[in-house]
């Protein structure tokens, strides 16, 4: 069974991807580009809510639907 996405926050910094996805089981995936050289694109890292800075948590809460906001706050320890 596929996990349901609670929030997806796409962003770019200096033309490089910096996207976060929060799933209903509390998993957070960070899809990002580190640099423009070979090996620096399309990187992926799995994170825990405790690993996220407050600005990232805010980004995720801001894009969460009203029906999922309480779940997102719980998953992100807010």
PDB file of N, CA and C in Angstrom:
ATOM      1  N   UNK A   1       0.835  -1.187   0.000  1.00  0.00           N
ATOM      2  CA  UNK A   1       0.000   0.000   0.000  1.00  0.00           C
ATOM      3  C   UNK A   1       0.877   1.246   0.000  1.00  0.00           C
ATOM      4  N   UNK A   2       0.553   2.181  -0.841  1.00  0.00           N
ATOM      5  CA  UNK A   2       1.324   3.405  -0.975  1.00  0.00           C
ATOM      6  C   UNK A   2       0.965   4.388   0.141  1.00  0.00           C
ATOM      7  N   UNK A   3       1.975   5.069   0.662  1.00  0.00           N
ATOM      8  CA  UNK A   3       1.749   6.056   1.715  1.00  0.00           C
ATOM      9  C   UNK A   3       1.108   7.302   1.117  1.00  0.00           C
ATOM     10  N   UNK A   4       0.194   7.890   1.871  1.00  0.00           N
ATOM     11  CA  UNK A   4      -0.483   9.102   1.428  1.00  0.00           C
ATOM     12  C   UNK A   4       0.363  10.332   1.764  1.00  0.00           C
ATOM     13  N   UNK A   5       0.446  11.247   0.812  1.00  0.00           N
ATOM     14  CA  UNK A   5       1.179  12.493   1.024  1.00  0.00           C
ATOM     15  C   UNK A   5       0.275  13.466   1.774  1.00  0.00           C
ATOM     16  N   UNK A   6       0.794  14.006   2.868  1.00  0.00           N
ATOM     17  CA  UNK A   6       0.078  14.994   3.668  1.00  0.00           C
ATOM     18  C   UNK A   6       0.435  16.399   3.188  1.00  0.00           C
ATOM     19  N   UNK A   7       1.724  16.621   2.864  1.00  0.00           N
ATOM     20  CA  UNK A   7       2.171  17.946   2.430  1.00  0.00           C
ATOM     21  C   UNK A   7       3.346  17.802   1.478  1.00  0.00           C
ATOM     22  N   UNK A   8       3.356  18.653   0.452  1.00  0.00           N
ATOM     23  CA  UNK A   8       4.480  18.728  -0.478  1.00  0.00           C
ATOM     24  C   UNK A   8       4.843  20.189  -0.634  1.00  0.00           C
ATOM     25  N   UNK A   9       6.086  20.522  -0.313  1.00  0.00           N
ATOM     26  CA  UNK A   9       6.546  21.903  -0.378  1.00  0.00           C
ATOM     27  C   UNK A   9       7.723  22.015  -1.335  1.00  0.00           C
ATOM     28  N   UNK A  10       7.447  22.375  -2.595  1.00  0.00           N
ATOM     29  CA  UNK A  10       8.540  22.571  -3.550  1.00  0.00           C
ATOM     30  C   UNK A  10       9.177  23.942  -3.333  1.00  0.00           C
ATOM     31  N   UNK A  11      10.459  24.016  -3.583  1.00  0.00           N
ATOM     32  CA  UNK A  11      11.172  25.283  -3.432  1.00  0.00           C
ATOM     33  C   UNK A  11      12.442  25.213  -4.260  1.00  0.00           C
ATOM     34  N   UNK A  12      12.962  26.358  -4.599  1.00  0.00           N
ATOM     35  CA  UNK A  12      14.237  26.420  -5.317  1.00  0.00           C
ATOM     36  C   UNK A  12      15.121  27.457  -4.632  1.00  0.00           C
ATOM     37  N   UNK A  13      16.392  27.132  -4.509  1.00  0.00           N
ATOM     38  CA  UNK A  13      17.386  28.054  -3.976  1.00  0.00           C
ATOM     39  C   UNK A  13      18.468  28.194  -5.029  1.00  0.00           C
ATOM     40  N   UNK A  14      18.597  29.380  -5.580  1.00  0.00           N
ATOM     41  CA  UNK A  14      19.613  29.640  -6.608  1.00  0.00           C
ATOM     42  C   UNK A  14      19.521  28.654  -7.763  1.00  0.00           C
ATOM     43  N   UNK A  15      18.302  28.312  -8.152  1.00  0.00           N
ATOM     44  CA  UNK A  15      18.097  27.406  -9.276  1.00  0.00           C
ATOM     45  C   UNK A  15      18.249  25.935  -8.940  1.00  0.00           C
ATOM     46  N   UNK A  16      18.403  25.604  -7.669  1.00  0.00           N
ATOM     47  CA  UNK A  16      18.548  24.213  -7.233  1.00  0.00           C
ATOM     48  C   UNK A  16      17.317  23.794  -6.442  1.00  0.00           C
ATOM     49  N   UNK A  17      16.827  22.583  -6.688  1.00  0.00           N
ATOM     50  CA  UNK A  17      15.650  22.066  -5.991  1.00  0.00           C
ATOM     51  C   UNK A  17      15.900  21.917  -4.497  1.00  0.00           C
ATOM     52  N   UNK A  18      14.848  22.163  -3.727  1.00  0.00           N
ATOM     53  CA  UNK A  18      14.878  22.006  -2.271  1.00  0.00           C
ATOM     54  C   UNK A  18      13.454  21.675  -1.824  1.00  0.00           C
ATOM     55  N   UNK A  19      13.004  20.456  -2.115  1.00  0.00           N
ATOM     56  CA  UNK A  19      11.618  20.037  -1.912  1.00  0.00           C
ATOM     57  C   UNK A  19      11.492  19.104  -0.710  1.00  0.00           C
ATOM     58  N   UNK A  20      10.378  19.262   0.014  1.00  0.00           N
ATOM     59  CA  UNK A  20      10.091  18.404   1.159  1.00  0.00           C
ATOM     60  C   UNK A  20       8.709  17.795   0.993  1.00  0.00           C
ATOM     61  N   UNK A  21       8.592  16.498   1.320  1.00  0.00           N
ATOM     62  CA  UNK A  21       7.316  15.800   1.278  1.00  0.00           C
ATOM     63  C   UNK A  21       7.094  15.129   2.626  1.00  0.00           C
ATOM     64  N   UNK A  22       5.919  15.368   3.204  1.00  0.00           N
ATOM     65  CA  UNK A  22       5.529  14.750   4.469  1.00  0.00           C
ATOM     66  C   UNK A  22       4.471  13.704   4.175  1.00  0.00           C
ATOM     67  N   UNK A  23       4.689  12.482   4.655  1.00  0.00           N
ATOM     68  CA  UNK A  23       3.756  11.378   4.459  1.00  0.00           C
ATOM     69  C   UNK A  23       2.980  11.108   5.730  1.00  0.00           C
ATOM     70  N   UNK A  24       1.844  10.432   5.607  1.00  0.00           N
ATOM     71  CA  UNK A  24       0.945  10.180   6.729  1.00  0.00           C
ATOM     72  C   UNK A  24       1.554   9.346   7.851  1.00  0.00           C
ATOM     73  N   UNK A  25       2.633   8.624   7.560  1.00  0.00           N
ATOM     74  CA  UNK A  25       3.286   7.833   8.613  1.00  0.00           C
ATOM     75  C   UNK A  25       4.390   8.619   9.321  1.00  0.00           C
ATOM     76  N   UNK A  26       4.551   9.899   8.967  1.00  0.00           N
ATOM     77  CA  UNK A  26       5.555  10.753   9.597  1.00  0.00           C
ATOM     78  C   UNK A  26       6.874  10.818   8.856  1.00  0.00           C
ATOM     79  N   UNK A  27       7.016  10.040   7.802  1.00  0.00           N
ATOM     80  CA  UNK A  27       8.226  10.076   6.992  1.00  0.00           C
ATOM     81  C   UNK A  27       8.319  11.424   6.269  1.00  0.00           C
ATOM     82  N   UNK A  28       9.511  11.989   6.245  1.00  0.00           N
ATOM     83  CA  UNK A  28       9.765  13.213   5.488  1.00  0.00           C
ATOM     84  C   UNK A  28      10.873  12.900   4.491  1.00  0.00           C
ATOM     85  N   UNK A  29      10.617  13.207   3.225  1.00  0.00           N
ATOM     86  CA  UNK A  29      11.628  13.019   2.180  1.00  0.00           C
ATOM     87  C   UNK A  29      12.063  14.388   1.683  1.00  0.00           C
ATOM     88  N   UNK A  30      13.363  14.592   1.658  1.00  0.00           N
ATOM     89  CA  UNK A  30      13.946  15.832   1.150  1.00  0.00           C
ATOM     90  C   UNK A  30      14.577  15.511  -0.210  1.00  0.00           C
ATOM     91  N   UNK A  31      13.978  16.049  -1.279  1.00  0.00           N
ATOM     92  CA  UNK A  31      14.526  15.922  -2.632  1.00  0.00           C
ATOM     93  C   UNK A  31      15.243  17.231  -2.927  1.00  0.00           C
ATOM     94  N   UNK A  32      16.518  17.137  -3.303  1.00  0.00           N
ATOM     95  CA  UNK A  32      17.277  18.372  -3.463  1.00  0.00           C
ATOM     96  C   UNK A  32      18.413  18.206  -4.467  1.00  0.00           C
ATOM     97  N   UNK A  33      18.906  19.342  -4.890  1.00  0.00           N
ATOM     98  CA  UNK A  33      20.113  19.418  -5.704  1.00  0.00           C
ATOM     99  C   UNK A  33      21.173  20.082  -4.838  1.00  0.00           C
ATOM    100  N   UNK A  34      22.342  19.485  -4.781  1.00  0.00           N
ATOM    101  CA  UNK A  34      23.409  20.028  -3.960  1.00  0.00           C
ATOM    102  C   UNK A  34      24.244  21.059  -4.723  1.00  0.00           C
ATOM    103  N   UNK A  35      24.493  20.762  -5.991  1.00  0.00           N
ATOM    104  CA  UNK A  35      25.258  21.658  -6.850  1.00  0.00           C
ATOM    105  C   UNK A  35      24.985  21.298  -8.296  1.00  0.00           C
ATOM    106  N   UNK A  36      25.518  22.082  -9.215  1.00  0.00           N
ATOM    107  CA  UNK A  36      25.232  21.885 -10.645  1.00  0.00           C
ATOM    108  C   UNK A  36      26.211  20.941 -11.336  1.00  0.00           C
ATOM    109  N   UNK A  37      27.096  20.378 -10.624  1.00  0.00           N
ATOM    110  CA  UNK A  37      28.089  19.484 -11.223  1.00  0.00           C
ATOM    111  C   UNK A  37      27.580  18.048 -11.198  1.00  0.00           C
ATOM    112  N   UNK A  38      28.171  17.172 -11.995  1.00  0.00           N
ATOM    113  CA  UNK A  38      27.725  15.766 -12.008  1.00  0.00           C
ATOM    114  C   UNK A  38      27.675  15.184 -10.582  1.00  0.00           C
ATOM    115  N   UNK A  39      26.591  14.493 -10.311  1.00  0.00           N
ATOM    116  CA  UNK A  39      26.411  13.892  -8.989  1.00  0.00           C
ATOM    117  C   UNK A  39      25.727  14.810  -7.989  1.00  0.00           C
ATOM    118  N   UNK A  40      25.453  16.043  -8.385  1.00  0.00           N
ATOM    119  CA  UNK A  40      24.856  16.994  -7.450  1.00  0.00           C
ATOM    120  C   UNK A  40      23.368  17.184  -7.616  1.00  0.00           C
ATOM    121  N   UNK A  41      22.762  16.529  -8.607  1.00  0.00           N
ATOM    122  CA  UNK A  41      21.333  16.669  -8.883  1.00  0.00           C
ATOM    123  C   UNK A  41      20.531  15.467  -8.394  1.00  0.00           C
ATOM    124  N   UNK A  42      19.248  15.722  -8.140  1.00  0.00           N
ATOM    125  CA  UNK A  42      18.279  14.668  -7.825  1.00  0.00           C
ATOM    126  C   UNK A  42      18.690  13.790  -6.647  1.00  0.00           C
ATOM    127  N   UNK A  43      19.116  14.428  -5.583  1.00  0.00           N
ATOM    128  CA  UNK A  43      19.491  13.704  -4.374  1.00  0.00           C
ATOM    129  C   UNK A  43      18.257  13.569  -3.484  1.00  0.00           C
ATOM    130  N   UNK A  44      18.248  12.561  -2.652  1.00  0.00           N
ATOM    131  CA  UNK A  44      17.092  12.270  -1.809  1.00  0.00           C
ATOM    132  C   UNK A  44      17.584  11.847  -0.435  1.00  0.00           C
ATOM    133  N   UNK A  45      16.914  12.360   0.590  1.00  0.00           N
ATOM    134  CA  UNK A  45      17.279  12.019   1.961  1.00  0.00           C
ATOM    135  C   UNK A  45      16.009  11.830   2.777  1.00  0.00           C
ATOM    136  N   UNK A  46      15.985  10.787   3.574  1.00  0.00           N
ATOM    137  CA  UNK A  46      14.855  10.549   4.471  1.00  0.00           C
ATOM    138  C   UNK A  46      15.188  11.186   5.812  1.00  0.00           C
ATOM    139  N   UNK A  47      14.225  11.930   6.352  1.00  0.00           N
ATOM    140  CA  UNK A  47      14.433  12.653   7.605  1.00  0.00           C
ATOM    141  C   UNK A  47      13.344  12.324   8.608  1.00  0.00           C
ATOM    142  N   UNK A  48      13.613  12.628   9.859  1.00  0.00           N
ATOM    143  CA  UNK A  48      12.625  12.544  10.922  1.00  0.00           C
ATOM    144  C   UNK A  48      12.205  13.966  11.276  1.00  0.00           C
ATOM    145  N   UNK A  49      11.028  14.115  11.852  1.00  0.00           N
ATOM    146  CA  UNK A  49      10.534  15.441  12.213  1.00  0.00           C
ATOM    147  C   UNK A  49      11.521  16.186  13.103  1.00  0.00           C
ATOM    148  N   UNK A  50      12.188  15.473  13.973  1.00  0.00           N
ATOM    149  CA  UNK A  50      13.148  16.104  14.880  1.00  0.00           C
ATOM    150  C   UNK A  50      14.338  16.718  14.124  1.00  0.00           C
ATOM    151  N   UNK A  51      14.608  16.218  12.921  1.00  0.00           N
ATOM    152  CA  UNK A  51      15.720  16.715  12.112  1.00  0.00           C
ATOM    153  C   UNK A  51      15.392  18.009  11.371  1.00  0.00           C
ATOM    154  N   UNK A  52      14.123  18.386  11.327  1.00  0.00           N
ATOM    155  CA  UNK A  52      13.695  19.540  10.536  1.00  0.00           C
ATOM    156  C   UNK A  52      13.810  20.839  11.318  1.00  0.00           C
ATOM    157  N   UNK A  53      14.278  21.867  10.646  1.00  0.00           N
ATOM    158  CA  UNK A  53      14.325  23.199  11.244  1.00  0.00           C
ATOM    159  C   UNK A  53      12.913  23.774  11.241  1.00  0.00           C
ATOM    160  N   UNK A  54      12.675  24.753  12.076  1.00  0.00           N
ATOM    161  CA  UNK A  54      11.334  25.327  12.215  1.00  0.00           C
ATOM    162  C   UNK A  54      10.818  25.934  10.911  1.00  0.00           C
ATOM    163  N   UNK A  55      11.702  26.503  10.085  1.00  0.00           N
ATOM    164  CA  UNK A  55      11.232  27.095   8.827  1.00  0.00           C
ATOM    165  C   UNK A  55      10.732  26.019   7.862  1.00  0.00           C
ATOM    166  N   UNK A  56      11.327  24.843   7.888  1.00  0.00           N
ATOM    167  CA  UNK A  56      10.872  23.739   7.030  1.00  0.00           C
ATOM    168  C   UNK A  56       9.529  23.223   7.539  1.00  0.00           C
ATOM    169  N   UNK A  57       9.393  23.095   8.848  1.00  0.00           N
ATOM    170  CA  UNK A  57       8.116  22.671   9.422  1.00  0.00           C
ATOM    171  C   UNK A  57       7.024  23.664   9.044  1.00  0.00           C
ATOM    172  N   UNK A  58       7.324  24.944   9.091  1.00  0.00           N
ATOM    173  CA  UNK A  58       6.355  25.976   8.708  1.00  0.00           C
ATOM    174  C   UNK A  58       5.969  25.859   7.244  1.00  0.00           C
ATOM    175  N   UNK A  59       6.959  25.624   6.393  1.00  0.00           N
ATOM    176  CA  UNK A  59       6.675  25.428   4.966  1.00  0.00           C
ATOM    177  C   UNK A  59       5.677  24.292   4.766  1.00  0.00           C
ATOM    178  N   UNK A  60       5.912  23.182   5.462  1.00  0.00           N
ATOM    179  CA  UNK A  60       5.037  22.020   5.314  1.00  0.00           C
ATOM    180  C   UNK A  60       3.636  22.293   5.865  1.00  0.00           C
ATOM    181  N   UNK A  61       3.541  22.932   7.016  1.00  0.00           N
ATOM    182  CA  UNK A  61       2.233  23.250   7.587  1.00  0.00           C
ATOM    183  C   UNK A  61       1.460  24.184   6.668  1.00  0.00           C
ATOM    184  N   UNK A  62       2.144  25.149   6.075  1.00  0.00           N
ATOM    185  CA  UNK A  62       1.480  26.128   5.205  1.00  0.00           C
ATOM    186  C   UNK A  62       0.854  25.510   3.965  1.00  0.00           C
ATOM    187  N   UNK A  63       1.372  24.392   3.497  1.00  0.00           N
ATOM    188  CA  UNK A  63       0.829  23.762   2.281  1.00  0.00           C
ATOM    189  C   UNK A  63      -0.079  22.570   2.585  1.00  0.00           C
ATOM    190  N   UNK A  64      -0.255  22.262   3.855  1.00  0.00           N
ATOM    191  CA  UNK A  64      -1.127  21.152   4.249  1.00  0.00           C
ATOM    192  C   UNK A  64      -2.588  21.578   4.144  1.00  0.00           C
ATOM    193  N   UNK A  65      -3.430  20.689   3.652  1.00  0.00           N
ATOM    194  CA  UNK A  65      -4.863  20.993   3.573  1.00  0.00           C
ATOM    195  C   UNK A  65      -5.424  21.143   4.987  1.00  0.00           C
ATOM    196  N   UNK A  66      -6.520  21.872   5.103  1.00  0.00           N
ATOM    197  CA  UNK A  66      -7.142  22.096   6.407  1.00  0.00           C
ATOM    198  C   UNK A  66      -7.494  20.778   7.098  1.00  0.00           C
ATOM    199  N   UNK A  67      -7.938  19.800   6.337  1.00  0.00           N
ATOM    200  CA  UNK A  67      -8.339  18.525   6.940  1.00  0.00           C
ATOM    201  C   UNK A  67      -7.156  17.739   7.498  1.00  0.00           C
ATOM    202  N   UNK A  68      -5.944  18.018   7.024  1.00  0.00           N
ATOM    203  CA  UNK A  68      -4.754  17.292   7.487  1.00  0.00           C
ATOM    204  C   UNK A  68      -3.845  18.115   8.396  1.00  0.00           C
ATOM    205  N   UNK A  69      -4.221  19.362   8.683  1.00  0.00           N
ATOM    206  CA  UNK A  69      -3.337  20.234   9.477  1.00  0.00           C
ATOM    207  C   UNK A  69      -3.040  19.667  10.861  1.00  0.00           C
ATOM    208  N   UNK A  70      -4.047  19.148  11.539  1.00  0.00           N
ATOM    209  CA  UNK A  70      -3.831  18.626  12.898  1.00  0.00           C
ATOM    210  C   UNK A  70      -2.890  17.418  12.862  1.00  0.00           C
ATOM    211  N   UNK A  71      -3.074  16.537  11.892  1.00  0.00           N
ATOM    212  CA  UNK A  71      -2.184  15.390  11.734  1.00  0.00           C
ATOM    213  C   UNK A  71      -0.765  15.862  11.454  1.00  0.00           C
ATOM    214  N   UNK A  72      -0.621  16.828  10.566  1.00  0.00           N
ATOM    215  CA  UNK A  72       0.714  17.351  10.233  1.00  0.00           C
ATOM    216  C   UNK A  72       1.375  17.964  11.454  1.00  0.00           C
ATOM    217  N   UNK A  73       0.626  18.715  12.244  1.00  0.00           N
ATOM    218  CA  UNK A  73       1.193  19.315  13.463  1.00  0.00           C
ATOM    219  C   UNK A  73       1.664  18.229  14.432  1.00  0.00           C
ATOM    220  N   UNK A  74       0.885  17.181  14.556  1.00  0.00           N
ATOM    221  CA  UNK A  74       1.270  16.063  15.427  1.00  0.00           C
ATOM    222  C   UNK A  74       2.528  15.390  14.916  1.00  0.00           C
ATOM    223  N   UNK A  75       2.565  15.098  13.609  1.00  0.00           N
ATOM    224  CA  UNK A  75       3.729  14.422  13.028  1.00  0.00           C
ATOM    225  C   UNK A  75       4.999  15.268  13.130  1.00  0.00           C
ATOM    226  N   UNK A  76       4.830  16.593  13.039  1.00  0.00           N
ATOM    227  CA  UNK A  76       5.991  17.496  13.077  1.00  0.00           C
ATOM    228  C   UNK A  76       6.296  18.006  14.485  1.00  0.00           C
ATOM    229  N   UNK A  77       5.590  17.476  15.472  1.00  0.00           N
ATOM    230  CA  UNK A  77       5.798  17.860  16.877  1.00  0.00           C
ATOM    231  C   UNK A  77       5.617  19.357  17.104  1.00  0.00           C
ATOM    232  N   UNK A  78       4.552  19.902  16.557  1.00  0.00           N
ATOM    233  CA  UNK A  78       4.261  21.340  16.732  1.00  0.00           C
ATOM    234  C   UNK A  78       3.108  21.545  17.682  1.00  0.00           C
TER     235      UNK A  78
END
